Amino acid sequence: MNSWKTILEKDIESLDNEKNKIGCEFELLNKEKAVVANDVELLKQDKDRLRTDVEFLKEEKNTLHKFLDEEKAEFVDSAVQEILESIPEREKTLAKNEKVVARERIYIQELLEVRQEIIKQMGSEKATKNRVIGVKKRKRGDLELWNFREKKRATLKEVISYYLNRTDK
């Protein structure tokens, strides 16, 4: 019986040790639970702060979009206004340019007629060896004014100055 008693005492002692051990582990788990609960609370606070920041940023984004839309609208309106204001001036310039082009066409036509007249006159004159300006027949059969001294096509200005100098003598 003594042996049973010692076995039971050892078992009781072992169970007490086990109980103390479990009690310590329980206290550690409770401390860890408190730390985790504290961490969860901090995370909730961070989450709430982040939500607030996100909402603030969304509001800022919307404000900026509205501002940019207003800026774009103002820019487009001012560009359209400038274009509308410049249309009459551009129409006047276009009309002036059309008049200038019409005058240039008339002058060109007159110069072509004078050129043809000079070609006819020079073609009917006797050819001399010393002539400077004359008429040369092109490969296509067209007649053109030619500067024989410089061996190039004569400009109307050269022909006119040649004739003026020739008639002065």
Protein backbone atom coordinates (compact mmCIF):
# COMPACT_ATOMS: atom_id res chain seq x y z
CA MET A 1 0.00 0.00 0.00
CA ASN A 2 2.84 2.19 0.62
CA SER A 3 3.93 1.72 -2.87
CA TRP A 4 0.49 2.78 -4.07
CA LYS A 5 0.68 5.78 -1.90
CA THR A 6 4.04 6.82 -3.29
CA ILE A 7 2.81 6.19 -6.81
CA LEU A 8 -0.25 8.29 -6.12
CA GLU A 9 1.83 11.02 -4.53
CA LYS A 10 4.13 11.02 -7.53
CA ASP A 11 1.13 11.16 -9.84
CA ILE A 12 -0.35 14.01 -7.79
CA GLU A 13 2.97 15.82 -7.86
CA SER A 14 3.23 15.23 -11.58
CA LEU A 15 -0.32 16.49 -12.07
CA ASP A 16 0.46 19.57 -9.94
CA ASN A 17 3.52 20.26 -12.09
CA GLU A 18 1.40 19.77 -15.19
CA LYS A 19 -1.25 22.09 -13.70
CA ASN A 20 1.38 24.77 -12.95
CA LYS A 21 2.81 24.39 -16.42
CA ILE A 22 -0.64 24.70 -18.03
CA GLY A 23 -1.36 27.70 -15.77
CA CYS A 24 1.83 29.43 -16.96
CA GLU A 25 1.01 28.63 -20.58
CA PHE A 26 -2.52 29.92 -20.00
CA GLU A 27 -1.12 33.19 -18.61
CA LEU A 28 1.22 33.47 -21.60
CA LEU A 29 -1.66 32.82 -23.97
CA ASN A 30 -3.76 35.46 -22.19
CA LYS A 31 -0.87 37.94 -22.52
CA GLU A 32 -0.48 37.07 -26.22
CA LYS A 33 -4.24 37.40 -26.62
CA ALA A 34 -4.07 40.89 -25.06
CA VAL A 35 -1.16 41.82 -27.37
CA VAL A 36 -3.02 40.48 -30.42
CA ALA A 37 -6.20 42.30 -29.34
CA ASN A 38 -4.15 45.48 -28.98
CA ASP A 39 -2.59 44.92 -32.44
CA VAL A 40 -6.06 44.31 -33.90
CA GLU A 41 -7.27 47.55 -32.36
CA LEU A 42 -4.27 49.43 -33.78
CA LEU A 43 -4.92 47.87 -37.19
CA LYS A 44 -8.55 48.94 -37.01
CA GLN A 45 -7.44 52.49 -36.20
CA ASP A 46 -4.95 52.42 -39.10
CA LYS A 47 -7.68 51.07 -41.38
CA ASP A 48 -10.04 53.87 -40.31
CA ARG A 49 -7.27 56.45 -40.84
CA LEU A 50 -6.54 55.02 -44.29
CA ARG A 51 -10.24 55.12 -45.19
CA THR A 52 -10.35 58.76 -44.14
CA ASP A 53 -7.22 59.49 -46.21
CA VAL A 54 -8.68 57.67 -49.23
CA GLU A 55 -11.93 59.64 -48.97
CA PHE A 56 -9.96 62.88 -48.67
CA LEU A 57 -7.86 61.97 -51.72
CA LYS A 58 -10.99 61.07 -53.70
CA GLU A 59 -12.49 64.45 -52.84
CA GLU A 60 -9.24 66.17 -53.87
CA LYS A 61 -9.21 64.20 -57.13
CA ASN A 62 -12.80 65.21 -57.87
CA THR A 63 -11.99 68.83 -57.05
CA LEU A 64 -8.98 68.74 -59.37
CA HIS A 65 -11.03 67.13 -62.14
CA LYS A 66 -13.66 69.85 -61.82
CA PHE A 67 -10.94 72.50 -61.86
CA LEU A 68 -9.28 70.95 -64.93
CA ASP A 69 -12.63 70.65 -66.70
CA GLU A 70 -13.31 74.31 -65.98
CA GLU A 71 -9.80 75.24 -67.21
CA LYS A 72 -10.31 73.20 -70.39
CA ALA A 73 -13.69 74.81 -70.97
CA GLU A 74 -12.22 78.29 -70.44
CA PHE A 75 -9.33 77.51 -72.80
CA VAL A 76 -11.65 76.17 -75.49
CA ASP A 77 -13.99 79.14 -75.09
CA SER A 78 -11.11 81.62 -75.35
CA ALA A 79 -9.67 79.80 -78.40
CA VAL A 80 -13.07 79.80 -80.11
CA GLN A 81 -13.51 83.48 -79.24
CA GLU A 82 -10.09 84.34 -80.71
CA ILE A 83 -10.91 82.44 -83.88
CA LEU A 84 -14.29 84.14 -84.21
CA GLU A 85 -12.66 87.54 -83.67
CA SER A 86 -9.96 86.84 -86.27
CA ILE A 87 -12.38 85.67 -88.99
CA PRO A 88 -13.27 89.18 -90.30
CA GLU A 89 -9.59 90.15 -90.37
CA ARG A 90 -8.71 86.95 -92.19
CA GLU A 91 -11.52 87.51 -94.67
CA LYS A 92 -10.15 91.00 -95.39
CA THR A 93 -6.66 89.57 -95.85
CA LEU A 94 -8.02 86.87 -98.14
CA ALA A 95 -9.84 89.47 -100.23
CA LYS A 96 -6.64 91.54 -100.50
CA ASN A 97 -4.65 88.46 -101.47
CA GLU A 98 -7.21 87.54 -104.11
CA LYS A 99 -6.94 91.06 -105.56
CA VAL A 100 -3.15 90.81 -105.60
CA VAL A 101 -3.31 87.40 -107.30
CA ALA A 102 -5.74 88.76 -109.90
CA ARG A 103 -3.42 91.73 -110.59
CA GLU A 104 -0.43 89.40 -110.83
CA ARG A 105 -2.28 87.24 -113.36
CA ILE A 106 -3.02 90.33 -115.45
CA TYR A 107 0.64 91.45 -115.25
CA ILE A 108 1.87 87.98 -116.14
CA GLN A 109 -0.49 87.86 -119.11
CA GLU A 110 0.70 91.30 -120.24
CA LEU A 111 4.35 90.26 -119.85
CA LEU A 112 3.73 87.10 -121.86
CA GLU A 113 2.11 89.17 -124.60
CA VAL A 114 5.05 91.61 -124.61
CA ARG A 115 7.47 88.69 -124.69
CA GLN A 116 5.68 87.16 -127.67
CA GLU A 117 5.71 90.56 -129.40
CA ILE A 118 9.46 90.93 -128.82
CA ILE A 119 10.08 87.39 -130.05
CA LYS A 120 8.14 88.20 -133.23
CA GLN A 121 10.06 91.44 -133.76
CA MET A 122 13.45 89.87 -133.09
CA GLY A 123 12.64 86.88 -135.21
CA SER A 124 11.89 89.11 -138.18
CA GLU A 125 15.16 91.07 -137.82
CA LYS A 126 18.31 90.05 -139.64
CA ALA A 127 20.60 87.82 -137.64
CA THR A 128 24.10 89.17 -137.11
CA LYS A 129 27.14 87.47 -135.73
CA ASN A 130 27.57 90.02 -132.97
CA ARG A 131 24.10 90.06 -131.59
CA VAL A 132 23.72 89.70 -127.82
CA ILE A 133 19.98 89.10 -127.46
CA GLY A 134 18.05 87.15 -130.02
CA VAL A 135 15.52 84.42 -130.66
CA LYS A 136 16.46 80.77 -130.46
CA LYS A 137 14.30 77.87 -131.51
CA ARG A 138 13.90 75.23 -128.81
CA LYS A 139 13.80 71.49 -129.36
CA ARG A 140 10.01 71.51 -129.08
CA GLY A 141 9.82 74.15 -131.77
CA ASP A 142 8.96 77.00 -129.41
CA LEU A 143 10.77 80.28 -129.80
CA GLU A 144 12.44 81.83 -126.79
CA LEU A 145 14.54 84.88 -126.07
CA TRP A 146 18.22 83.98 -125.75
CA ASN A 147 21.27 85.79 -124.39
CA PHE A 148 23.97 84.59 -126.79
CA ARG A 149 26.83 86.29 -124.93
CA GLU A 150 26.06 84.45 -121.65
CA LYS A 151 24.64 81.37 -123.40
CA LYS A 152 21.47 81.28 -121.37
CA ARG A 153 17.82 82.12 -121.65
CA ALA A 154 17.34 85.90 -121.62
CA THR A 155 15.09 87.48 -119.07
CA LEU A 156 12.53 90.04 -120.11
CA LYS A 157 14.48 92.62 -118.12
CA GLU A 158 17.65 91.90 -120.15
CA VAL A 159 15.72 92.19 -123.43
CA ILE A 160 14.12 95.49 -122.46
CA SER A 161 17.41 96.99 -121.26
CA TYR A 162 19.12 95.74 -124.46
CA TYR A 163 16.46 97.42 -126.61
CA LEU A 164 16.59 100.64 -124.62
CA ASN A 165 20.39 100.78 -124.90
CA ARG A 166 20.22 99.98 -128.62
CA THR A 167 17.70 102.69 -129.39
CA ASP A 168 19.65 105.33 -127.43
CA LYS A 169 22.62 105.04 -129.83
